[in-house]
Amino acid sequence: MSQSLTISRPDDWHLHLRDGAMLKAVLPETARHFGRAIIMPNLVPPVVTGSDAAAYRDRIMAALPDGMGFEPLMTLYLTEDTDADDLAAAHASGLIKAVKLYPAGATTNSASGVANFDKVRGVLEKMAEIGLPLCVHGEVTDSDIDIFDREAVFIDRVLDPIRKATPGLRVVMEHITTKNGVDYVLANAFDLGATITVQHLILDRNDMLVGGMRPHYYCLPILKRAEHREALLSAATSGDARFFLGTDSAPHPTHAKEAECCSAGCFTAPNALSILAQTFEKAGALDKLEGFTSHHGPAFYGLPVNSDTLTLTKSDSATQFPARIDAGDDTVTVFDPGFPVYWDVT
């Protein structure tokens, strides 16, 4: 017996589309389900100016298949040399919706990120003045900090001081992975939001490590203990508008994932909504799915909810997703949650 759920068309508030052949391969997987997405700027070279963002947006739209509707919401990569006037002009024109903070060396293509936060205080003050959100990759990169503790330390050492020094700055804690992150959001006002990924809602570090290393579960921030996953699930299914979906879908060539030193990222665009429907149903919170995927993000960014809808259908037989998709001369492996999924977008 089938079951269906119709919701406002979702948005993805954290997405990697890459460029070139990879962009052309993965963009349809997002556009098939999502109306809009916050596009990450960590290309090589990164998207640091308004003209960079305009050119990247044009490449995205050129890669969009005919008949598909999708709006890329562009961002700038914050560096220690970011021009506050250029940033403000790009925002005023409607081109960019946020600025992304990567601590230098925190994740894929983050070498141009910020090491000295004093050098970006003027930019942050301008962002607070014009209402432009700051999206943060919330990890410190100090060599003496354990990788499983980087998010908690970032909150104490970096994020809280930035917010206290810059009143009015709207911040999105992207891909939170810990109870510390959840608790920090809950303890603060509604100028602070947080995105949560699919993999961090359903997996913990045992899933990645026990019985052998599973490279397609390796992402940054890294999967944490079960108690942290449970806190994230509670937040996502609570109906609290400060938490919303950001898949952080991050494609890499299969050979780069299945390598001695593998790339970090999970490519979840093709099946994110199906997995979420099953996860929310299992948690007894299917009625909260639309808020998490379709309402809370637009509210934070001051945008309207998408006017069109999407229907998810549950059937008695497991949904079959492709194992890989072609990307030029490479393939990209689609995220496998490790359990049968009975929901699909229809």
Foldseek 3Di string as FASTA:
>chain_A
DKDKDKFFQFEAAAEEQAADLSNLFQLVLQLVGHAEYAYAQLYVVGAAFLVSLVVVQVRNVVSDDPPTHHYYAYEHEDALPRDLVRVVVSVVVVRHQAYEADAAPQAPNRPRHYPDVVSCLVSQLSCLVNVRAYEYQQFDDDPVDDLQCGNVVSVVPPVVVSCVSHPRHQYEDEADQFLSVVVVVVVDDLSYAYAHALLSLQDAVCVQCPPHHDLLQFAPSGGHDPVGSVSVNCVLLVLPLRYAHHHNQDWDFPDQSVDPNHHHHHHASNCRVLSVCVSCVVVVRNVSNNSRGFNSVCVSSVHDTRPDMWMKMFDPDFDDDDQWTDRVVTITGHDDSPDTGGIDID
